[in-house]
């Protein structure tokens, strides 16, 4: 076990960087970035900068990223500093790291502050050449930090990215996207004694919800062998007030997770036809808006695969979305790998194993050593 990586990760867990939550409000990503900046400077970086990238008008937290480079980078190692809010059911303080046996518990320990700690500690072993480290915020919510970075001058020259997510020591070379929707409909609302002669918004969207769920069940075998099904999730139906009130409006939220190569145009037509059929049946008008539109990811880069091959158990497809898709959209190759297991991410008593942290230090050490040989 490396005491240095445990000590550093414990420090990072202590920085509340959660996306806004009702009980604690928004975290402060820039506080963690400012803490990390001198650690990167002390390890020989040619440039270190902390950037305030914001997190959107509806979130008053302090969001941004810290960027460090050695030489003129063609490769960036990226992990996100933000976390989701603490889930219910924690048996300990989420922002106080606790080691129990081979596990370090703490919010973000797995997703993905463990990767940040390991990437920094590996710098004590090898000074990289033409490599950048990017520890960025807003991954769990809106990707503002990554979009800011990818349109900045510091993106120039970058060809490849290692995107750190908890992958249980496999490397992700493709993954699903995320399409999340919100449909709304309105009526005049009023007393339920008049319900037979009024628009009924909740019932209208309930019809759509059942059609969507039926579609997801019917297509559970669609897609590639390693990513079957739409993962269609009817997440919320809102709008009811009381048994004797016909509500004025209702809203339905759902999502699907398309695979690489997914026929988006055909899906859009199918969804539009489904909504039109409900409108014809009910006489209602349904408005549709996107909540999230994240493209799938899939890049075949032999050099990246070879770079991590000695440490990855396998090259696989991942069911969860990552910002590797944004790198691909920006014309770069990427691969997804990091310590921890996605099963622990966003869970109560989140943890990463000490063995995985040591493995990650070895992985990043190898990446840095390879950069010196390649240079």
Protein backbone atom coordinates (compact mmCIF):
# COMPACT_ATOMS: atom_id res chain seq x y z
CA UNK A 1 0.00 0.00 0.00
CA UNK A 2 1.20 3.51 -0.85
CA UNK A 3 0.69 5.78 2.19
CA UNK A 4 1.16 8.83 -0.05
CA UNK A 5 -1.85 8.07 -2.25
CA UNK A 6 -4.05 7.31 0.78
CA UNK A 7 -3.01 10.55 2.45
CA UNK A 8 -3.63 12.64 -0.65
CA UNK A 9 -6.96 11.02 -1.43
CA UNK A 10 -8.07 11.62 2.14
CA UNK A 11 -7.30 15.33 1.67
CA UNK A 12 -9.26 15.46 -1.58
CA UNK A 13 -12.32 13.74 -0.09
CA UNK A 14 -12.38 16.51 2.52
CA UNK A 15 -13.16 19.12 -0.14
CA UNK A 16 -16.95 19.27 -0.73
CA UNK A 17 -17.21 19.37 -4.53
CA UNK A 18 -20.72 17.97 -4.87
CA UNK A 19 -23.17 19.27 -7.42
CA UNK A 20 -25.90 21.28 -5.72
CA UNK A 21 -27.90 19.43 -3.08
CA UNK A 22 -30.80 20.61 -0.89
CA UNK A 23 -28.99 19.97 2.39
CA UNK A 24 -25.51 21.36 1.61
CA UNK A 25 -25.95 23.45 -1.52
CA UNK A 26 -23.29 23.48 -4.24
CA UNK A 27 -19.73 22.42 -3.60
CA UNK A 28 -16.59 24.36 -4.43
CA UNK A 29 -14.63 22.73 -7.24
CA UNK A 30 -12.15 25.59 -7.45
CA UNK A 31 -11.11 25.12 -3.82
CA UNK A 32 -9.90 21.61 -4.65
CA UNK A 33 -8.26 22.85 -7.86
CA UNK A 34 -6.38 25.54 -5.95
CA UNK A 35 -5.25 22.95 -3.41
CA UNK A 36 -3.92 20.68 -6.15
CA UNK A 37 -2.19 23.40 -8.20
CA UNK A 38 0.91 23.80 -5.97
CA UNK A 39 1.25 20.01 -5.78
CA UNK A 40 1.55 19.94 -9.57
CA UNK A 41 3.95 22.89 -9.59
CA UNK A 42 6.16 21.14 -7.03
CA UNK A 43 6.34 18.13 -9.35
CA UNK A 44 7.90 20.06 -12.18
CA UNK A 45 5.00 21.15 -14.35
CA UNK A 46 5.95 23.75 -16.94
CA UNK A 47 2.58 25.44 -16.56
CA UNK A 48 -0.23 25.19 -14.01
CA UNK A 49 -3.42 27.19 -14.30
CA UNK A 50 -6.70 27.19 -12.39
CA UNK A 51 -9.66 28.25 -14.52
CA UNK A 52 -13.12 29.36 -13.38
CA UNK A 53 -15.40 27.77 -15.98
CA UNK A 54 -18.72 28.29 -14.19
CA UNK A 55 -21.50 25.72 -13.86
CA UNK A 56 -24.55 27.43 -15.34
CA UNK A 57 -26.87 30.21 -14.28
CA UNK A 58 -29.02 27.95 -12.10
CA UNK A 59 -26.12 26.72 -9.94
CA UNK A 60 -24.17 29.20 -7.86
CA UNK A 61 -21.30 26.86 -7.01
CA UNK A 62 -17.71 27.57 -7.93
CA UNK A 63 -16.88 25.37 -10.92
CA UNK A 64 -13.76 25.03 -13.00
CA UNK A 65 -10.61 23.04 -13.60
CA UNK A 66 -6.89 22.86 -12.97
CA UNK A 67 -4.60 22.17 -15.93
CA UNK A 68 -0.90 21.29 -15.79
CA UNK A 69 1.49 20.47 -18.60
CA UNK A 70 4.94 19.02 -19.02
CA UNK A 71 6.40 20.05 -22.39
CA UNK A 72 4.04 20.37 -25.36
CA UNK A 73 1.31 17.83 -24.62
CA UNK A 74 -0.15 15.44 -27.16
CA UNK A 75 -1.74 13.29 -24.40
CA UNK A 76 -3.98 14.47 -21.56
CA UNK A 77 -4.91 12.47 -18.46
CA UNK A 78 -8.29 13.69 -17.24
CA UNK A 79 -10.32 13.02 -14.08
CA UNK A 80 -13.25 14.99 -12.71
CA UNK A 81 -13.12 16.73 -9.35
CA UNK A 82 -16.87 17.01 -8.77
CA UNK A 83 -19.15 14.46 -7.15
CA UNK A 84 -22.87 13.83 -6.96
CA UNK A 85 -24.57 14.87 -3.69
CA UNK A 86 -24.18 12.33 -0.90
CA UNK A 87 -26.73 9.55 -1.32
CA UNK A 88 -29.00 8.59 1.55
CA UNK A 89 -27.81 5.79 3.80
CA UNK A 90 -24.24 6.84 4.61
CA UNK A 91 -23.05 5.30 7.88
CA UNK A 92 -20.24 7.86 8.23
CA UNK A 93 -19.51 11.46 7.25
CA UNK A 94 -19.17 11.42 3.43
CA UNK A 95 -16.50 14.15 3.48
CA UNK A 96 -14.22 12.42 5.99
CA UNK A 97 -12.10 9.66 4.48
CA UNK A 98 -12.15 6.44 6.49
CA UNK A 99 -9.97 3.39 5.87
CA UNK A 100 -11.59 0.10 6.83
CA UNK A 101 -9.56 -2.95 5.89
CA UNK A 102 -8.64 -2.62 2.19
CA UNK A 103 -11.22 0.08 1.52
CA UNK A 104 -11.03 3.86 1.66
CA UNK A 105 -14.53 5.25 2.11
CA UNK A 106 -15.53 8.80 1.20
CA UNK A 107 -17.65 10.74 -1.27
CA UNK A 108 -15.76 10.78 -4.56
CA UNK A 109 -13.12 8.30 -3.42
CA UNK A 110 -14.12 6.04 -6.30
CA UNK A 111 -15.64 8.61 -8.67
CA UNK A 112 -13.00 10.01 -9.32
CA UNK A 113 -10.78 11.54 -6.68
CA UNK A 114 -8.88 8.27 -6.32
CA UNK A 115 -7.67 8.67 -9.90
CA UNK A 116 -6.58 12.26 -9.19
CA UNK A 117 -4.56 11.19 -6.16
CA UNK A 118 -2.92 8.31 -8.05
CA UNK A 119 -2.06 10.49 -11.05
CA UNK A 120 -0.33 13.02 -8.79
CA UNK A 121 1.53 10.48 -6.67
CA UNK A 122 2.85 8.80 -9.84
CA UNK A 123 4.58 12.10 -10.66
CA UNK A 124 6.90 11.45 -7.72
CA UNK A 125 8.25 8.46 -9.65
CA UNK A 126 8.48 9.85 -13.19
CA UNK A 127 8.35 13.32 -14.67
CA UNK A 128 6.35 12.97 -17.91
CA UNK A 129 7.16 14.53 -21.27
CA UNK A 130 4.56 16.17 -23.52
CA UNK A 131 1.73 15.12 -21.18
CA UNK A 132 -0.98 17.22 -19.54
CA UNK A 133 -3.09 16.57 -16.48
CA UNK A 134 -6.60 18.02 -16.41
CA UNK A 135 -8.73 17.79 -13.28
CA UNK A 136 -12.09 19.22 -14.31
CA UNK A 137 -15.47 19.95 -12.75
CA UNK A 138 -19.13 19.73 -13.72
CA UNK A 139 -18.91 16.19 -15.13
CA UNK A 140 -21.79 14.97 -12.99
CA UNK A 141 -24.14 17.71 -14.11
CA UNK A 142 -23.55 19.69 -17.27
CA UNK A 143 -19.99 19.32 -18.72
CA UNK A 144 -19.35 23.10 -18.62
CA UNK A 145 -15.71 22.68 -17.57
CA UNK A 146 -14.86 20.19 -20.30
CA UNK A 147 -16.57 22.23 -23.00
CA UNK A 148 -14.69 25.30 -21.80
CA UNK A 149 -11.36 23.47 -21.92
CA UNK A 150 -11.94 21.94 -25.36
CA UNK A 151 -12.56 25.38 -26.87
CA UNK A 152 -9.55 26.95 -25.13
CA UNK A 153 -6.02 27.42 -26.57
CA UNK A 154 -4.73 24.68 -24.24
CA UNK A 155 -6.57 22.04 -26.24
CA UNK A 156 -4.26 22.68 -29.23
CA UNK A 157 -1.82 19.89 -29.97
CA UNK A 158 -3.69 17.30 -27.96
CA UNK A 159 -4.36 14.10 -29.88
CA UNK A 160 -5.34 11.56 -27.21
CA UNK A 161 -6.98 11.44 -23.79
CA UNK A 162 -7.06 8.98 -20.94
CA UNK A 163 -10.40 9.64 -19.24
CA UNK A 164 -10.46 8.37 -15.67
CA UNK A 165 -13.62 6.70 -14.45
CA UNK A 166 -14.08 3.69 -12.13
CA UNK A 167 -13.79 0.79 -14.58
CA UNK A 168 -12.74 -2.12 -12.32
CA UNK A 169 -9.37 -2.30 -14.10
CA UNK A 170 -10.77 -2.75 -17.60
CA UNK A 171 -10.40 -0.14 -20.33
CA UNK A 172 -13.46 1.30 -22.05
CA UNK A 173 -13.06 1.74 -25.80
CA UNK A 174 -16.75 2.48 -26.41
CA UNK A 175 -19.75 3.37 -24.31
CA UNK A 176 -23.38 4.32 -24.43
CA UNK A 177 -24.69 7.83 -24.78
CA UNK A 178 -27.57 9.38 -22.85
CA UNK A 179 -30.75 10.91 -24.23
CA UNK A 180 -33.01 12.32 -21.53
CA UNK A 181 -36.34 13.97 -22.26
CA UNK A 182 -39.08 15.91 -20.52
CA UNK A 183 -42.57 16.04 -22.03
CA UNK A 184 -45.22 18.45 -20.76
CA UNK A 185 -48.88 18.99 -21.49
CA UNK A 186 -51.49 21.42 -20.19
CA UNK A 187 -55.22 21.66 -19.70
CA UNK A 188 -57.62 24.08 -18.07
CA UNK A 189 -57.65 22.21 -14.75
CA UNK A 190 -60.50 22.24 -12.26
CA UNK A 191 -62.91 20.21 -10.19
CA UNK A 192 -62.78 16.44 -10.74
CA UNK A 193 -66.56 16.31 -11.13
CA UNK A 194 -65.92 17.76 -14.61
CA UNK A 195 -63.08 15.37 -15.44
CA UNK A 196 -65.03 13.55 -18.18
CA UNK A 197 -65.11 16.74 -20.22
CA UNK A 198 -61.61 18.12 -19.59
CA UNK A 199 -58.06 17.50 -20.67
CA UNK A 200 -56.42 15.22 -18.11
CA UNK A 201 -52.67 15.95 -18.27
CA UNK A 202 -51.49 13.18 -15.94
CA UNK A 203 -53.50 10.52 -17.76
CA UNK A 204 -52.29 11.81 -21.13
CA UNK A 205 -48.64 11.46 -20.16
CA UNK A 206 -49.33 8.16 -18.39
CA UNK A 207 -50.36 6.80 -21.80
CA UNK A 208 -47.04 7.97 -23.23
CA UNK A 209 -45.15 6.49 -20.27
CA UNK A 210 -46.68 3.05 -20.85
CA UNK A 211 -45.91 3.18 -24.57
CA UNK A 212 -42.30 4.09 -23.82
CA UNK A 213 -41.94 1.33 -21.25
CA UNK A 214 -43.47 -1.19 -23.64
CA UNK A 215 -40.98 -0.11 -26.30
CA UNK A 216 -38.07 -0.56 -23.93
CA UNK A 217 -39.25 -4.04 -23.03
CA UNK A 218 -39.75 -4.98 -26.69
CA UNK A 219 -36.25 -3.84 -27.65
CA UNK A 220 -34.30 -5.34 -24.78
CA UNK A 221 -32.34 -7.48 -27.26
CA UNK A 222 -31.56 -4.71 -29.76
CA UNK A 223 -28.04 -3.37 -30.18
CA UNK A 224 -24.58 -4.95 -30.09
CA UNK A 225 -23.93 -8.06 -28.02
CA UNK A 226 -22.08 -6.16 -25.29
CA UNK A 227 -24.68 -3.36 -25.09
CA UNK A 228 -28.11 -4.90 -25.62
CA UNK A 229 -31.29 -2.93 -25.02
CA UNK A 230 -32.24 0.73 -24.85
CA UNK A 231 -31.94 1.00 -21.05
CA UNK A 232 -35.20 2.94 -21.30
CA UNK A 233 -36.06 4.44 -17.93
CA UNK A 234 -39.38 6.17 -17.22
CA UNK A 235 -38.08 8.28 -14.36
CA UNK A 236 -40.88 10.59 -13.18
CA UNK A 237 -44.50 11.54 -13.80
CA UNK A 238 -45.40 14.79 -12.06
CA UNK A 239 -48.46 16.97 -11.80
CA UNK A 240 -51.06 15.57 -9.40
CA UNK A 241 -52.45 17.70 -6.56
CA UNK A 242 -55.37 15.87 -4.92
CA UNK A 243 -57.91 13.21 -5.82
CA UNK A 244 -60.59 15.83 -6.48
CA UNK A 245 -58.48 18.19 -8.60
CA UNK A 246 -57.78 17.84 -12.32
CA UNK A 247 -54.31 19.36 -12.57
CA UNK A 248 -53.52 22.14 -15.01
CA UNK A 249 -50.29 20.52 -16.19
CA UNK A 250 -48.16 17.40 -15.98
CA UNK A 251 -44.61 16.43 -16.88
CA UNK A 252 -42.98 13.13 -17.82
CA UNK A 253 -39.23 12.49 -17.68
CA UNK A 254 -37.50 9.51 -19.28
CA UNK A 255 -34.19 8.49 -20.80
CA UNK A 256 -32.53 5.99 -23.10
CA UNK A 257 -28.86 5.03 -23.44
CA UNK A 258 -27.99 4.57 -27.12
CA UNK A 259 -25.03 2.45 -28.21
CA UNK A 260 -22.33 3.49 -30.69
CA UNK A 261 -23.84 3.26 -34.17
CA UNK A 262 -27.37 3.81 -32.84
CA UNK A 263 -29.75 5.00 -35.58
CA UNK A 264 -30.65 8.34 -34.05
CA UNK A 265 -32.78 9.48 -36.99
CA UNK A 266 -34.95 6.36 -36.83
CA UNK A 267 -35.32 6.77 -33.06
CA UNK A 268 -36.39 10.40 -33.44
CA UNK A 269 -39.06 9.38 -35.97
CA UNK A 270 -40.31 6.57 -33.72
CA UNK A 271 -40.55 8.88 -30.73
CA UNK A 272 -42.35 11.57 -32.73
CA UNK A 273 -44.87 9.00 -34.01
CA UNK A 274 -45.50 7.75 -30.48
CA UNK A 275 -46.19 11.26 -29.20
CA UNK A 276 -48.45 11.99 -32.18
CA UNK A 277 -50.49 8.85 -31.48
CA UNK A 278 -51.11 9.95 -27.88
CA UNK A 279 -52.09 13.42 -29.08
CA UNK A 280 -54.59 11.93 -31.52
CA UNK A 281 -56.09 9.70 -28.83
CA UNK A 282 -56.43 12.41 -26.20
CA UNK A 283 -56.71 15.62 -28.19
CA UNK A 284 -53.91 17.06 -26.08
CA UNK A 285 -50.78 18.87 -27.22
CA UNK A 286 -47.49 17.50 -25.89
CA UNK A 287 -44.34 19.65 -25.80
CA UNK A 288 -40.98 17.86 -25.82
CA UNK A 289 -37.63 19.16 -24.62
CA UNK A 290 -34.19 17.66 -24.13
CA UNK A 291 -32.81 17.33 -20.62
CA UNK A 292 -29.56 15.70 -21.79
CA UNK A 293 -28.17 14.88 -25.22
CA UNK A 294 -24.88 13.00 -24.83
CA UNK A 295 -23.59 11.11 -27.85
CA UNK A 296 -22.21 7.57 -27.58
CA UNK A 297 -18.45 7.04 -27.74
CA UNK A 298 -16.40 4.61 -29.76
CA UNK A 299 -12.81 5.06 -30.95
CA UNK A 300 -10.40 2.45 -32.29
CA UNK A 301 -6.93 3.71 -31.35
CA UNK A 302 -4.28 0.99 -31.29
CA UNK A 303 -1.69 3.25 -29.67
CA UNK A 304 -3.93 4.11 -26.73
CA UNK A 305 -4.97 0.49 -26.34
CA UNK A 306 -1.31 -0.58 -26.30
CA UNK A 307 -0.47 2.13 -23.76
CA UNK A 308 -2.81 0.67 -21.12
CA UNK A 309 -2.79 -2.98 -22.25
CA UNK A 310 -0.33 -4.13 -19.61
CA UNK A 311 -2.57 -2.82 -16.82
CA UNK A 312 -6.08 -3.32 -18.22
CA UNK A 313 -7.76 -6.70 -17.80
CA UNK A 314 -9.64 -6.26 -21.08
CA UNK A 315 -10.81 -3.72 -23.64
CA UNK A 316 -14.59 -3.48 -23.28
CA UNK A 317 -17.73 -1.47 -23.89
CA UNK A 318 -19.16 0.47 -20.94
CA UNK A 319 -22.83 1.00 -20.13
CA UNK A 320 -22.28 4.42 -18.55
CA UNK A 321 -21.53 7.73 -20.28
CA UNK A 322 -18.22 9.58 -19.90
CA UNK A 323 -16.65 12.74 -21.23
CA UNK A 324 -14.59 10.61 -23.62
CA UNK A 325 -17.47 11.34 -26.02
CA UNK A 326 -16.65 15.05 -25.85
CA UNK A 327 -13.02 14.38 -26.71
CA UNK A 328 -14.15 12.32 -29.68
CA UNK A 329 -16.46 15.13 -30.81
CA UNK A 330 -13.46 17.47 -30.62
CA UNK A 331 -11.47 15.23 -32.99
CA UNK A 332 -9.39 13.37 -30.41
CA UNK A 333 -8.98 9.71 -29.52
CA UNK A 334 -9.75 8.58 -25.99
CA UNK A 335 -9.86 5.57 -23.72
CA UNK A 336 -11.59 5.22 -20.33
CA UNK A 337 -9.85 3.60 -17.37
CA UNK A 338 -9.40 4.20 -13.67
CA UNK A 339 -9.44 2.78 -10.13
CA UNK A 340 -12.64 1.65 -8.46
CA UNK A 341 -15.84 0.02 -9.62
CA UNK A 342 -18.83 1.87 -11.10
CA UNK A 343 -21.03 -0.12 -8.71
CA UNK A 344 -19.62 2.04 -5.89
CA UNK A 345 -20.06 5.35 -7.69
CA UNK A 346 -23.00 7.41 -6.36
CA UNK A 347 -23.63 4.82 -3.64
CA UNK A 348 -23.82 5.27 0.13
CA UNK A 349 -20.47 4.52 1.82
CA UNK A 350 -18.71 4.83 -1.56
CA UNK A 351 -15.24 3.31 -1.51
CA UNK A 352 -12.17 2.47 -3.54
CA UNK A 353 -9.86 -0.37 -2.58
CA UNK A 354 -6.30 0.39 -1.57
CA UNK A 355 -5.19 -2.26 -4.04
CA UNK A 356 -6.90 -0.35 -6.84
CA UNK A 357 -5.18 2.87 -5.79
CA UNK A 358 -1.78 1.14 -5.94
CA UNK A 359 -2.72 -0.31 -9.33
CA UNK A 360 -3.61 3.17 -10.58
CA UNK A 361 -0.29 4.60 -9.40
CA UNK A 362 1.46 1.87 -11.40
CA UNK A 363 -0.75 2.59 -14.44
CA UNK A 364 0.03 6.31 -14.46
CA UNK A 365 3.71 5.68 -13.77
CA UNK A 366 3.77 3.51 -16.89
CA UNK A 367 1.98 6.21 -18.91
CA UNK A 368 4.53 8.82 -17.82
CA UNK A 369 7.48 6.51 -18.52
CA UNK A 370 6.10 5.76 -21.97
CA UNK A 371 5.87 9.46 -22.74
CA UNK A 372 9.57 9.82 -22.07
CA UNK A 373 10.44 6.87 -24.33
CA UNK A 374 8.17 8.16 -27.07
CA UNK A 375 9.74 11.58 -26.82
